[in-house]
Amino acid sequence: SNGTDWSPDGKLMYYVDSMTRRIDCFDYDALSGAVSGRRTFVAIELQD
């Protein structure tokens, strides 16, 4: 488990599980603190 942060409008949460070599993105419900709709934001293709 690694990097976490939110978009300026608070509607998206970014999250990293380093071993996936991806930054993922969730829809974020600020009121409840729930996350949903996990998808790949960007895949890291730099070797090593």
ModelCIF file with pLDDT and N, C-alpha, C, O atoms, coordinates in Angstrom:
data_MODEL
#
_entry.id   MODEL 
#
_entity.id                         1 
_entity.type                       polymer 
_entity.pdbx_number_of_molecules   1 
#
_entity_poly.entity_id                      1 
_entity_poly.type                           'polypeptide(L)' 
_entity_poly.nstd_linkage                   no 
_entity_poly.nstd_monomer                   no 
_entity_poly.pdbx_seq_one_letter_code       SNGTDWSPDGKLMYYVDSMTRRIDCFDYDALSGAVSGRRTFVAIELQD 
_entity_poly.pdbx_seq_one_letter_code_can   SNGTDWSPDGKLMYYVDSMTRRIDCFDYDALSGAVSGRRTFVAIELQD 
_entity_poly.pdbx_strand_id                 A 
#
loop_
_entity_poly_seq.entity_id 
_entity_poly_seq.num 
_entity_poly_seq.mon_id 
_entity_poly_seq.hetero 
1 1  SER n 
1 2  ASN n 
1 3  GLY n 
1 4  THR n 
1 5  ASP n 
1 6  TRP n 
1 7  SER n 
1 8  PRO n 
1 9  ASP n 
1 10 GLY n 
1 11 LYS n 
1 12 LEU n 
1 13 MET n 
1 14 TYR n 
1 15 TYR n 
1 16 VAL n 
1 17 ASP n 
1 18 SER n 
1 19 MET n 
1 20 THR n 
1 21 ARG n 
1 22 ARG n 
1 23 ILE n 
1 24 ASP n 
1 25 CYS n 
1 26 PHE n 
1 27 ASP n 
1 28 TYR n 
1 29 ASP n 
1 30 ALA n 
1 31 LEU n 
1 32 SER n 
1 33 GLY n 
1 34 ALA n 
1 35 VAL n 
1 36 SER n 
1 37 GLY n 
1 38 ARG n 
1 39 ARG n 
1 40 THR n 
1 41 PHE n 
1 42 VAL n 
1 43 ALA n 
1 44 ILE n 
1 45 GLU n 
1 46 LEU n 
1 47 GLN n 
1 48 ASP n 
#
_struct_asym.id          A 
_struct_asym.entity_id   1 
#
loop_
_ma_qa_metric.id 
_ma_qa_metric.mode 
_ma_qa_metric.name 
_ma_qa_metric.software_group_id 
_ma_qa_metric.type 
1 global pLDDT . pLDDT 
2 local  pLDDT . pLDDT 
#
_ma_qa_metric_global.metric_id      1 
_ma_qa_metric_global.metric_value   96.77 
_ma_qa_metric_global.model_id       1 
_ma_qa_metric_global.ordinal_id     1 
#
loop_
_ma_qa_metric_local.label_asym_id 
_ma_qa_metric_local.label_comp_id 
_ma_qa_metric_local.label_seq_id 
_ma_qa_metric_local.metric_id 
_ma_qa_metric_local.metric_value 
_ma_qa_metric_local.model_id 
_ma_qa_metric_local.ordinal_id 
A SER 1  2 96.00 1 1  
A ASN 2  2 96.00 1 2  
A GLY 3  2 96.00 1 3  
A THR 4  2 98.00 1 4  
A ASP 5  2 98.00 1 5  
A TRP 6  2 98.00 1 6  
A SER 7  2 98.00 1 7  
A PRO 8  2 96.00 1 8  
A ASP 9  2 96.00 1 9  
A GLY 10 2 95.00 1 10 
A LYS 11 2 97.00 1 11 
A LEU 12 2 98.00 1 12 
A MET 13 2 98.00 1 13 
A TYR 14 2 98.00 1 14 
A TYR 15 2 98.00 1 15 
A VAL 16 2 98.00 1 16 
A ASP 17 2 98.00 1 17 
A SER 18 2 97.00 1 18 
A MET 19 2 96.00 1 19 
A THR 20 2 97.00 1 20 
A ARG 21 2 97.00 1 21 
A ARG 22 2 97.00 1 22 
A ILE 23 2 98.00 1 23 
A ASP 24 2 98.00 1 24 
A CYS 25 2 98.00 1 25 
A PHE 26 2 98.00 1 26 
A ASP 27 2 98.00 1 27 
A TYR 28 2 98.00 1 28 
A ASP 29 2 97.00 1 29 
A ALA 30 2 95.00 1 30 
A LEU 31 2 94.00 1 31 
A SER 32 2 95.00 1 32 
A GLY 33 2 96.00 1 33 
A ALA 34 2 97.00 1 34 
A VAL 35 2 97.00 1 35 
A SER 36 2 98.00 1 36 
A GLY 37 2 98.00 1 37 
A ARG 38 2 98.00 1 38 
A ARG 39 2 98.00 1 39 
A THR 40 2 98.00 1 40 
A PHE 41 2 98.00 1 41 
A VAL 42 2 98.00 1 42 
A ALA 43 2 98.00 1 43 
A ILE 44 2 97.00 1 44 
A GLU 45 2 94.00 1 45 
A LEU 46 2 92.00 1 46 
A GLN 47 2 91.00 1 47 
A ASP 48 2 92.00 1 48 
#
loop_
_atom_site.group_PDB 
_atom_site.id 
_atom_site.type_symbol 
_atom_site.label_atom_id 
_atom_site.label_alt_id 
_atom_site.label_comp_id 
_atom_site.label_asym_id 
_atom_site.label_entity_id 
_atom_site.label_seq_id 
_atom_site.pdbx_PDB_ins_code 
_atom_site.Cartn_x 
_atom_site.Cartn_y 
_atom_site.Cartn_z 
_atom_site.occupancy 
_atom_site.B_iso_or_equiv 
_atom_site.pdbx_formal_charge 
_atom_site.auth_seq_id 
_atom_site.auth_comp_id 
_atom_site.auth_asym_id 
_atom_site.auth_atom_id 
_atom_site.pdbx_PDB_model_num 
ATOM 1   N N  . SER A 1 1  ? 0.834   -1.201 0.000   1.00 96.00 ? 1  SER A N  1 
ATOM 2   C CA . SER A 1 1  ? 0.000   0.000  0.000   1.00 96.00 ? 1  SER A CA 1 
ATOM 3   C C  . SER A 1 1  ? 0.866   1.248  0.000   1.00 96.00 ? 1  SER A C  1 
ATOM 4   O O  . SER A 1 1  ? 1.806   1.365  0.787   1.00 96.00 ? 1  SER A O  1 
ATOM 5   N N  . ASN A 1 2  ? 0.538   2.192  -0.901  1.00 96.00 ? 2  ASN A N  1 
ATOM 6   C CA . ASN A 1 2  ? 1.375   3.380  -1.025  1.00 96.00 ? 2  ASN A CA 1 
ATOM 7   C C  . ASN A 1 2  ? 0.535   4.620  -1.318  1.00 96.00 ? 2  ASN A C  1 
ATOM 8   O O  . ASN A 1 2  ? -0.528  4.810  -0.727  1.00 96.00 ? 2  ASN A O  1 
ATOM 9   N N  . GLY A 1 3  ? 1.021   5.468  -2.239  1.00 96.00 ? 3  GLY A N  1 
ATOM 10  C CA . GLY A 1 3  ? 0.502   6.812  -2.420  1.00 96.00 ? 3  GLY A CA 1 
ATOM 11  C C  . GLY A 1 3  ? -1.009  6.957  -2.480  1.00 96.00 ? 3  GLY A C  1 
ATOM 12  O O  . GLY A 1 3  ? -1.699  6.182  -3.143  1.00 96.00 ? 3  GLY A O  1 
ATOM 13  N N  . THR A 1 4  ? -1.508  7.966  -1.774  1.00 98.00 ? 4  THR A N  1 
ATOM 14  C CA . THR A 1 4  ? -2.933  8.278  -1.742  1.00 98.00 ? 4  THR A CA 1 
ATOM 15  C C  . THR A 1 4  ? -3.117  9.792  -1.780  1.00 98.00 ? 4  THR A C  1 
ATOM 16  O O  . THR A 1 4  ? -2.391  10.524 -1.107  1.00 98.00 ? 4  THR A O  1 
ATOM 17  N N  . ASP A 1 5  ? -4.079  10.260 -2.561  1.00 98.00 ? 5  ASP A N  1 
ATOM 18  C CA . ASP A 1 5  ? -4.465  11.673 -2.532  1.00 98.00 ? 5  ASP A CA 1 
ATOM 19  C C  . ASP A 1 5  ? -5.769  11.839 -3.302  1.00 98.00 ? 5  ASP A C  1 
ATOM 20  O O  . ASP A 1 5  ? -6.267  10.906 -3.931  1.00 98.00 ? 5  ASP A O  1 
ATOM 21  N N  . TRP A 1 6  ? -6.309  13.064 -3.233  1.00 98.00 ? 6  TRP A N  1 
ATOM 22  C CA . TRP A 1 6  ? -7.618  13.338 -3.819  1.00 98.00 ? 6  TRP A CA 1 
ATOM 23  C C  . TRP A 1 6  ? -7.536  14.456 -4.852  1.00 98.00 ? 6  TRP A C  1 
ATOM 24  O O  . TRP A 1 6  ? -6.665  15.323 -4.777  1.00 98.00 ? 6  TRP A O  1 
ATOM 25  N N  . SER A 1 7  ? -8.450  14.424 -5.812  1.00 98.00 ? 7  SER A N  1 
ATOM 26  C CA . SER A 1 7  ? -8.536  15.497 -6.806  1.00 98.00 ? 7  SER A CA 1 
ATOM 27  C C  . SER A 1 7  ? -8.984  16.778 -6.111  1.00 98.00 ? 7  SER A C  1 
ATOM 28  O O  . SER A 1 7  ? -9.602  16.714 -5.048  1.00 98.00 ? 7  SER A O  1 
ATOM 29  N N  . PRO A 1 8  ? -8.684  17.952 -6.696  1.00 96.00 ? 8  PRO A N  1 
ATOM 30  C CA . PRO A 1 8  ? -9.063  19.208 -6.048  1.00 96.00 ? 8  PRO A CA 1 
ATOM 31  C C  . PRO A 1 8  ? -10.552 19.333 -5.747  1.00 96.00 ? 8  PRO A C  1 
ATOM 32  O O  . PRO A 1 8  ? -10.925 19.974 -4.764  1.00 96.00 ? 8  PRO A O  1 
ATOM 33  N N  . ASP A 1 9  ? -11.408 18.735 -6.570  1.00 96.00 ? 9  ASP A N  1 
ATOM 34  C CA . ASP A 1 9  ? -12.849 18.814 -6.310  1.00 96.00 ? 9  ASP A CA 1 
ATOM 35  C C  . ASP A 1 9  ? -13.333 17.747 -5.337  1.00 96.00 ? 9  ASP A C  1 
ATOM 36  O O  . ASP A 1 9  ? -14.517 17.705 -5.001  1.00 96.00 ? 9  ASP A O  1 
ATOM 37  N N  . GLY A 1 10 ? -12.425 16.883 -4.881  1.00 95.00 ? 10 GLY A N  1 
ATOM 38  C CA . GLY A 1 10 ? -12.766 15.868 -3.896  1.00 95.00 ? 10 GLY A CA 1 
ATOM 39  C C  . GLY A 1 10 ? -13.578 14.702 -4.417  1.00 95.00 ? 10 GLY A C  1 
ATOM 40  O O  . GLY A 1 10 ? -14.068 13.896 -3.626  1.00 95.00 ? 10 GLY A O  1 
ATOM 41  N N  . LYS A 1 11 ? -13.735 14.589 -5.729  1.00 97.00 ? 11 LYS A N  1 
ATOM 42  C CA . LYS A 1 11 ? -14.580 13.532 -6.281  1.00 97.00 ? 11 LYS A CA 1 
ATOM 43  C C  . LYS A 1 11 ? -13.815 12.265 -6.647  1.00 97.00 ? 11 LYS A C  1 
ATOM 44  O O  . LYS A 1 11 ? -14.418 11.213 -6.864  1.00 97.00 ? 11 LYS A O  1 
ATOM 45  N N  . LEU A 1 12 ? -12.487 12.364 -6.716  1.00 98.00 ? 12 LEU A N  1 
ATOM 46  C CA . LEU A 1 12 ? -11.660 11.215 -7.085  1.00 98.00 ? 12 LEU A CA 1 
ATOM 47  C C  . LEU A 1 12 ? -10.606 10.966 -6.016  1.00 98.00 ? 12 LEU A C  1 
ATOM 48  O O  . LEU A 1 12 ? -10.075 11.906 -5.425  1.00 98.00 ? 12 LEU A O  1 
ATOM 49  N N  . MET A 1 13 ? -10.308 9.704  -5.774  1.00 98.00 ? 13 MET A N  1 
ATOM 50  C CA . MET A 1 13 ? -9.201  9.337  -4.921  1.00 98.00 ? 13 MET A CA 1 
ATOM 51  C C  . MET A 1 13 ? -8.209  8.523  -5.739  1.00 98.00 ? 13 MET A C  1 
ATOM 52  O O  . MET A 1 13 ? -8.587  7.561  -6.407  1.00 98.00 ? 13 MET A O  1 
ATOM 53  N N  . TYR A 1 14 ? -6.938  8.911  -5.683  1.00 98.00 ? 14 TYR A N  1 
ATOM 54  C CA . TYR A 1 14 ? -5.869  8.173  -6.347  1.00 98.00 ? 14 TYR A CA 1 
ATOM 55  C C  . TYR A 1 14 ? -5.184  7.277  -5.318  1.00 98.00 ? 14 TYR A C  1 
ATOM 56  O O  . TYR A 1 14 ? -5.043  7.647  -4.152  1.00 98.00 ? 14 TYR A O  1 
ATOM 57  N N  . TYR A 1 15 ? -4.764  6.103  -5.763  1.00 98.00 ? 15 TYR A N  1 
ATOM 58  C CA . TYR A 1 15 ? -4.188  5.132  -4.828  1.00 98.00 ? 15 TYR A CA 1 
ATOM 59  C C  . TYR A 1 15 ? -3.191  4.232  -5.552  1.00 98.00 ? 15 TYR A C  1 
ATOM 60  O O  . TYR A 1 15 ? -3.388  3.868  -6.712  1.00 98.00 ? 15 TYR A O  1 
ATOM 61  N N  . VAL A 1 16 ? -2.116  3.882  -4.845  1.00 98.00 ? 16 VAL A N  1 
ATOM 62  C CA . VAL A 1 16 ? -1.069  3.029  -5.397  1.00 98.00 ? 16 VAL A CA 1 
ATOM 63  C C  . VAL A 1 16 ? -0.897  1.768  -4.555  1.00 98.00 ? 16 VAL A C  1 
ATOM 64  O O  . VAL A 1 16 ? -0.699  1.853  -3.343  1.00 98.00 ? 16 VAL A O  1 
ATOM 65  N N  . ASP A 1 17 ? -0.972  0.609  -5.186  1.00 98.00 ? 17 ASP A N  1 
ATOM 66  C CA . ASP A 1 17 ? -0.415  -0.629 -4.661  1.00 98.00 ? 17 ASP A CA 1 
ATOM 67  C C  . ASP A 1 17 ? 0.810   -0.865 -5.539  1.00 98.00 ? 17 ASP A C  1 
ATOM 68  O O  . ASP A 1 17 ? 0.674   -1.270 -6.693  1.00 98.00 ? 17 ASP A O  1 
ATOM 69  N N  . SER A 1 18 ? 2.000   -0.617 -5.004  1.00 97.00 ? 18 SER A N  1 
ATOM 70  C CA . SER A 1 18 ? 3.204   -0.536 -5.835  1.00 97.00 ? 18 SER A CA 1 
ATOM 71  C C  . SER A 1 18 ? 3.444   -1.749 -6.708  1.00 97.00 ? 18 SER A C  1 
ATOM 72  O O  . SER A 1 18 ? 3.930   -1.620 -7.831  1.00 97.00 ? 18 SER A O  1 
ATOM 73  N N  . MET A 1 19 ? 3.107   -2.934 -6.203  1.00 96.00 ? 19 MET A N  1 
ATOM 74  C CA . MET A 1 19 ? 3.401   -4.146 -6.954  1.00 96.00 ? 19 MET A CA 1 
ATOM 75  C C  . MET A 1 19 ? 2.554   -4.283 -8.223  1.00 96.00 ? 19 MET A C  1 
ATOM 76  O O  . MET A 1 19 ? 2.887   -5.080 -9.100  1.00 96.00 ? 19 MET A O  1 
ATOM 77  N N  . THR A 1 20 ? 1.484   -3.530 -8.330  1.00 97.00 ? 20 THR A N  1 
ATOM 78  C CA . THR A 1 20 ? 0.679   -3.548 -9.562  1.00 97.00 ? 20 THR A CA 1 
ATOM 79  C C  . THR A 1 20 ? 1.304   -2.687 -10.648 1.00 97.00 ? 20 THR A C  1 
ATOM 80  O O  . THR A 1 20 ? 0.957   -2.800 -11.823 1.00 97.00 ? 20 THR A O  1 
ATOM 81  N N  . ARG A 1 21 ? 2.257   -1.803 -10.231 1.00 97.00 ? 21 ARG A N  1 
ATOM 82  C CA . ARG A 1 21 ? 2.899   -0.834 -11.121 1.00 97.00 ? 21 ARG A CA 1 
ATOM 83  C C  . ARG A 1 21 ? 1.865   0.077  -11.791 1.00 97.00 ? 21 ARG A C  1 
ATOM 84  O O  . ARG A 1 21 ? 1.995   0.442  -12.959 1.00 97.00 ? 21 ARG A O  1 
ATOM 85  N N  . ARG A 1 22 ? 0.834   0.434  -11.012 1.00 97.00 ? 22 ARG A N  1 
ATOM 86  C CA . ARG A 1 22 ? -0.225  1.315  -11.505 1.00 97.00 ? 22 ARG A CA 1 
ATOM 87  C C  . ARG A 1 22 ? -0.540  2.383  -10.471 1.00 97.00 ? 22 ARG A C  1 
ATOM 88  O O  . ARG A 1 22 ? -0.330  2.193  -9.273  1.00 97.00 ? 22 ARG A O  1 
ATOM 89  N N  . ILE A 1 23 ? -1.048  3.513  -10.955 1.00 98.00 ? 23 ILE A N  1 
ATOM 90  C CA . ILE A 1 23 ? -1.806  4.428  -10.119 1.00 98.00 ? 23 ILE A CA 1 
ATOM 91  C C  . ILE A 1 23 ? -3.267  4.156  -10.449 1.00 98.00 ? 23 ILE A C  1 
ATOM 92  O O  . ILE A 1 23 ? -3.676  4.259  -11.606 1.00 98.00 ? 23 ILE A O  1 
ATOM 93  N N  . ASP A 1 24 ? -4.052  3.811  -9.437  1.00 98.00 ? 24 ASP A N  1 
ATOM 94  C CA . ASP A 1 24 ? -5.471  3.566  -9.652  1.00 98.00 ? 24 ASP A CA 1 
ATOM 95  C C  . ASP A 1 24 ? -6.290  4.778  -9.227  1.00 98.00 ? 24 ASP A C  1 
ATOM 96  O O  . ASP A 1 24 ? -5.800  5.663  -8.526  1.00 98.00 ? 24 ASP A O  1 
ATOM 97  N N  . CYS A 1 25 ? -7.535  4.799  -9.659  1.00 98.00 ? 25 CYS A N  1 
ATOM 98  C CA . CYS A 1 25 ? -8.431  5.898  -9.380  1.00 98.00 ? 25 CYS A CA 1 
ATOM 99  C C  . CYS A 1 25 ? -9.773  5.342  -8.914  1.00 98.00 ? 25 CYS A C  1 
ATOM 100 O O  . CYS A 1 25 ? -10.259 4.348  -9.454  1.00 98.00 ? 25 CYS A O  1 
ATOM 101 N N  . PHE A 1 26 ? -10.370 5.983  -7.910  1.00 98.00 ? 26 PHE A N  1 
ATOM 102 C CA . PHE A 1 26 ? -11.682 5.605  -7.400  1.00 98.00 ? 26 PHE A CA 1 
ATOM 103 C C  . PHE A 1 26 ? -12.620 6.814  -7.470  1.00 98.00 ? 26 PHE A C  1 
ATOM 104 O O  . PHE A 1 26 ? -12.171 7.958  -7.401  1.00 98.00 ? 26 PHE A O  1 
ATOM 105 N N  . ASP A 1 27 ? -13.896 6.560  -7.604  1.00 98.00 ? 27 ASP A N  1 
ATOM 106 C CA . ASP A 1 27 ? -14.891 7.584  -7.317  1.00 98.00 ? 27 ASP A CA 1 
ATOM 107 C C  . ASP A 1 27 ? -14.985 7.697  -5.800  1.00 98.00 ? 27 ASP A C  1 
ATOM 108 O O  . ASP A 1 27 ? -15.015 6.688  -5.095  1.00 98.00 ? 27 ASP A O  1 
ATOM 109 N N  . TYR A 1 28 ? -15.032 8.926  -5.305  1.00 98.00 ? 28 TYR A N  1 
ATOM 110 C CA . TYR A 1 28 ? -14.972 9.151  -3.866  1.00 98.00 ? 28 TYR A CA 1 
ATOM 111 C C  . TYR A 1 28 ? -16.204 9.893  -3.375  1.00 98.00 ? 28 TYR A C  1 
ATOM 112 O O  . TYR A 1 28 ? -16.553 10.947 -3.906  1.00 98.00 ? 28 TYR A O  1 
ATOM 113 N N  . ASP A 1 29 ? -16.856 9.348  -2.372  1.00 97.00 ? 29 ASP A N  1 
ATOM 114 C CA . ASP A 1 29 ? -18.011 9.983  -1.737  1.00 97.00 ? 29 ASP A CA 1 
ATOM 115 C C  . ASP A 1 29 ? -17.519 10.660 -0.458  1.00 97.00 ? 29 ASP A C  1 
ATOM 116 O O  . ASP A 1 29 ? -17.270 10.000 0.550   1.00 97.00 ? 29 ASP A O  1 
ATOM 117 N N  . ALA A 1 30 ? -17.383 11.976 -0.515  1.00 95.00 ? 30 ALA A N  1 
ATOM 118 C CA . ALA A 1 30 ? -16.806 12.706 0.604   1.00 95.00 ? 30 ALA A CA 1 
ATOM 119 C C  . ALA A 1 30 ? -17.655 12.611 1.861   1.00 95.00 ? 30 ALA A C  1 
ATOM 120 O O  . ALA A 1 30 ? -17.123 12.598 2.971   1.00 95.00 ? 30 ALA A O  1 
ATOM 121 N N  . LEU A 1 31 ? -18.965 12.544 1.698   1.00 94.00 ? 31 LEU A N  1 
ATOM 122 C CA . LEU A 1 31 ? -19.849 12.514 2.863   1.00 94.00 ? 31 LEU A CA 1 
ATOM 123 C C  . LEU A 1 31 ? -19.701 11.219 3.651   1.00 94.00 ? 31 LEU A C  1 
ATOM 124 O O  . LEU A 1 31 ? -19.579 11.244 4.876   1.00 94.00 ? 31 LEU A O  1 
ATOM 125 N N  . SER A 1 32 ? -19.710 10.102 2.957   1.00 95.00 ? 32 SER A N  1 
ATOM 126 C CA . SER A 1 32 ? -19.656 8.805  3.638   1.00 95.00 ? 32 SER A CA 1 
ATOM 127 C C  . SER A 1 32 ? -18.240 8.248  3.761   1.00 95.00 ? 32 SER A C  1 
ATOM 128 O O  . SER A 1 32 ? -17.979 7.387  4.602   1.00 95.00 ? 32 SER A O  1 
ATOM 129 N N  . GLY A 1 33 ? -17.328 8.738  2.924   1.00 96.00 ? 33 GLY A N  1 
ATOM 130 C CA . GLY A 1 33 ? -15.977 8.178  2.899   1.00 96.00 ? 33 GLY A CA 1 
ATOM 131 C C  . GLY A 1 33 ? -15.884 6.870  2.145   1.00 96.00 ? 33 GLY A C  1 
ATOM 132 O O  . GLY A 1 33 ? -14.932 6.108  2.321   1.00 96.00 ? 33 GLY A O  1 
ATOM 133 N N  . ALA A 1 34 ? -16.886 6.604  1.292   1.00 97.00 ? 34 ALA A N  1 
ATOM 134 C CA . ALA A 1 34 ? -16.886 5.362  0.502   1.00 97.00 ? 34 ALA A CA 1 
ATOM 135 C C  . ALA A 1 34 ? -16.133 5.563  -0.805  1.00 97.00 ? 34 ALA A C  1 
ATOM 136 O O  . ALA A 1 34 ? -16.110 6.662  -1.360  1.00 97.00 ? 34 ALA A O  1 
ATOM 137 N N  . VAL A 1 35 ? -15.516 4.484  -1.293  1.00 97.00 ? 35 VAL A N  1 
ATOM 138 C CA . VAL A 1 35 ? -14.849 4.498  -2.593  1.00 97.00 ? 35 VAL A CA 1 
ATOM 139 C C  . VAL A 1 35 ? -15.487 3.435  -3.481  1.00 97.00 ? 35 VAL A C  1 
ATOM 140 O O  . VAL A 1 35 ? -15.966 2.411  -2.993  1.00 97.00 ? 35 VAL A O  1 
ATOM 141 N N  . SER A 1 36 ? -15.489 3.688  -4.798  1.00 98.00 ? 36 SER A N  1 
ATOM 142 C CA . SER A 1 36 ? -16.096 2.748  -5.739  1.00 98.00 ? 36 SER A CA 1 
ATOM 143 C C  . SER A 1 36 ? -15.489 2.967  -7.115  1.00 98.00 ? 36 SER A C  1 
ATOM 144 O O  . SER A 1 36 ? -14.782 3.945  -7.355  1.00 98.00 ? 36 SER A O  1 
ATOM 145 N N  . GLY A 1 37 ? -15.781 2.039  -8.007  1.00 98.00 ? 37 GLY A N  1 
ATOM 146 C CA . GLY A 1 37 ? -15.379 2.188  -9.405  1.00 98.00 ? 37 GLY A CA 1 
ATOM 147 C C  . GLY A 1 37 ? -13.888 2.189  -9.639  1.00 98.00 ? 37 GLY A C  1 
ATOM 148 O O  . GLY A 1 37 ? -13.389 2.984  -10.435 1.00 98.00 ? 37 GLY A O  1 
ATOM 149 N N  . ARG A 1 38 ? -13.160 1.310  -8.960  1.00 98.00 ? 38 ARG A N  1 
ATOM 150 C CA . ARG A 1 38 ? -11.707 1.278  -9.137  1.00 98.00 ? 38 ARG A CA 1 
ATOM 151 C C  . ARG A 1 38 ? -11.337 1.012  -10.591 1.00 98.00 ? 38 ARG A C  1 
ATOM 152 O O  . ARG A 1 38 ? -11.874 0.108  -11.230 1.00 98.00 ? 38 ARG A O  1 
ATOM 153 N N  . ARG A 1 39 ? -10.396 1.830  -11.106 1.00 98.00 ? 39 ARG A N  1 
ATOM 154 C CA . ARG A 1 39 ? -9.899  1.630  -12.463 1.00 98.00 ? 39 ARG A CA 1 
ATOM 155 C C  . ARG A 1 39 ? -8.463  2.141  -12.553 1.00 98.00 ? 39 ARG A C  1 
ATOM 156 O O  . ARG A 1 39 ? -8.005  2.883  -11.683 1.00 98.00 ? 39 ARG A O  1 
ATOM 157 N N  . THR A 1 40 ? -7.764  1.744  -13.599 1.00 98.00 ? 40 THR A N  1 
ATOM 158 C CA . THR A 1 40 ? -6.382  2.172  -13.805 1.00 98.00 ? 40 THR A CA 1 
ATOM 159 C C  . THR A 1 40 ? -6.361  3.611  -14.291 1.00 98.00 ? 40 THR A C  1 
ATOM 160 O O  . THR A 1 40 ? -6.982  3.945  -15.300 1.00 98.00 ? 40 THR A O  1 
ATOM 161 N N  . PHE A 1 41 ? -5.636  4.469  -13.559 1.00 98.00 ? 41 PHE A N  1 
ATOM 162 C CA . PHE A 1 41 ? -5.419  5.836  -14.019 1.00 98.00 ? 41 PHE A CA 1 
ATOM 163 C C  . PHE A 1 41 ? -4.238  5.873  -14.971 1.00 98.00 ? 41 PHE A C  1 
ATOM 164 O O  . PHE A 1 41 ? -4.344  6.425  -16.066 1.00 98.00 ? 41 PHE A O  1 
ATOM 165 N N  . VAL A 1 42 ? -3.114  5.294  -14.571 1.00 98.00 ? 42 VAL A N  1 
ATOM 166 C CA . VAL A 1 42 ? -1.952  5.205  -15.443 1.00 98.00 ? 42 VAL A CA 1 
ATOM 167 C C  . VAL A 1 42 ? -1.115  3.999  -15.028 1.00 98.00 ? 42 VAL A C  1 
ATOM 168 O O  . VAL A 1 42 ? -0.966  3.712  -13.841 1.00 98.00 ? 42 VAL A O  1 
ATOM 169 N N  . ALA A 1 43 ? -0.575  3.304  -16.011 1.00 98.00 ? 43 ALA A N  1 
ATOM 170 C CA . ALA A 1 43 ? 0.346   2.200  -15.769 1.00 98.00 ? 43 ALA A CA 1 
ATOM 171 C C  . ALA A 1 43 ? 1.772   2.709  -15.960 1.00 98.00 ? 43 ALA A C  1 
ATOM 172 O O  . ALA A 1 43 ? 2.057   3.428  -16.918 1.00 98.00 ? 43 ALA A O  1 
ATOM 173 N N  . ILE A 1 44 ? 2.660   2.334  -15.049 1.00 97.00 ? 44 ILE A N  1 
ATOM 174 C CA . ILE A 1 44 ? 4.053   2.766  -15.120 1.00 97.00 ? 44 ILE A CA 1 
ATOM 175 C C  . ILE A 1 44 ? 4.834   1.757  -15.952 1.00 97.00 ? 44 ILE A C  1 
ATOM 176 O O  . ILE A 1 44 ? 4.934   0.585  -15.589 1.00 97.00 ? 44 ILE A O  1 
ATOM 177 N N  . GLU A 1 45 ? 5.381   2.217  -17.059 1.00 94.00 ? 45 GLU A N  1 
ATOM 178 C CA . GLU A 1 45 ? 6.071   1.321  -17.984 1.00 94.00 ? 45 GLU A CA 1 
ATOM 179 C C  . GLU A 1 45 ? 7.581   1.510  -17.972 1.00 94.00 ? 45 GLU A C  1 
ATOM 180 O O  . GLU A 1 45 ? 8.286   0.871  -18.753 1.00 94.00 ? 45 GLU A O  1 
ATOM 181 N N  . LEU A 1 46 ? 8.093   2.384  -17.092 1.00 92.00 ? 46 LEU A N  1 
ATOM 182 C CA . LEU A 1 46 ? 9.531   2.575  -16.997 1.00 92.00 ? 46 LEU A CA 1 
ATOM 183 C C  . LEU A 1 46 ? 10.160  1.338  -16.384 1.00 92.00 ? 46 LEU A C  1 
ATOM 184 O O  . LEU A 1 46 ? 9.767   0.915  -15.297 1.00 92.00 ? 46 LEU A O  1 
ATOM 185 N N  . GLN A 1 47 ? 11.133  0.755  -17.068 1.00 91.00 ? 47 GLN A N  1 
ATOM 186 C CA . GLN A 1 47 ? 11.743  -0.496 -16.627 1.00 91.00 ? 47 GLN A CA 1 
ATOM 187 C C  . GLN A 1 47 ? 12.342  -0.358 -15.229 1.00 91.00 ? 47 GLN A C  1 
ATOM 188 O O  . GLN A 1 47 ? 13.002  0.635  -14.925 1.00 91.00 ? 47 GLN A O  1 
ATOM 189 N N  . ASP A 1 48 ? 12.109  -1.360 -14.382 1.00 92.00 ? 48 ASP A N  1 
ATOM 190 C CA . ASP A 1 48 ? 12.647  -1.462 -13.022 1.00 92.00 ? 48 ASP A CA 1 
ATOM 191 C C  . ASP A 1 48 ? 12.084  -0.417 -12.057 1.00 92.00 ? 48 ASP A C  1 
ATOM 192 O O  . ASP A 1 48 ? 12.456  -0.397 -10.884 1.00 92.00 ? 48 ASP A O  1 
#
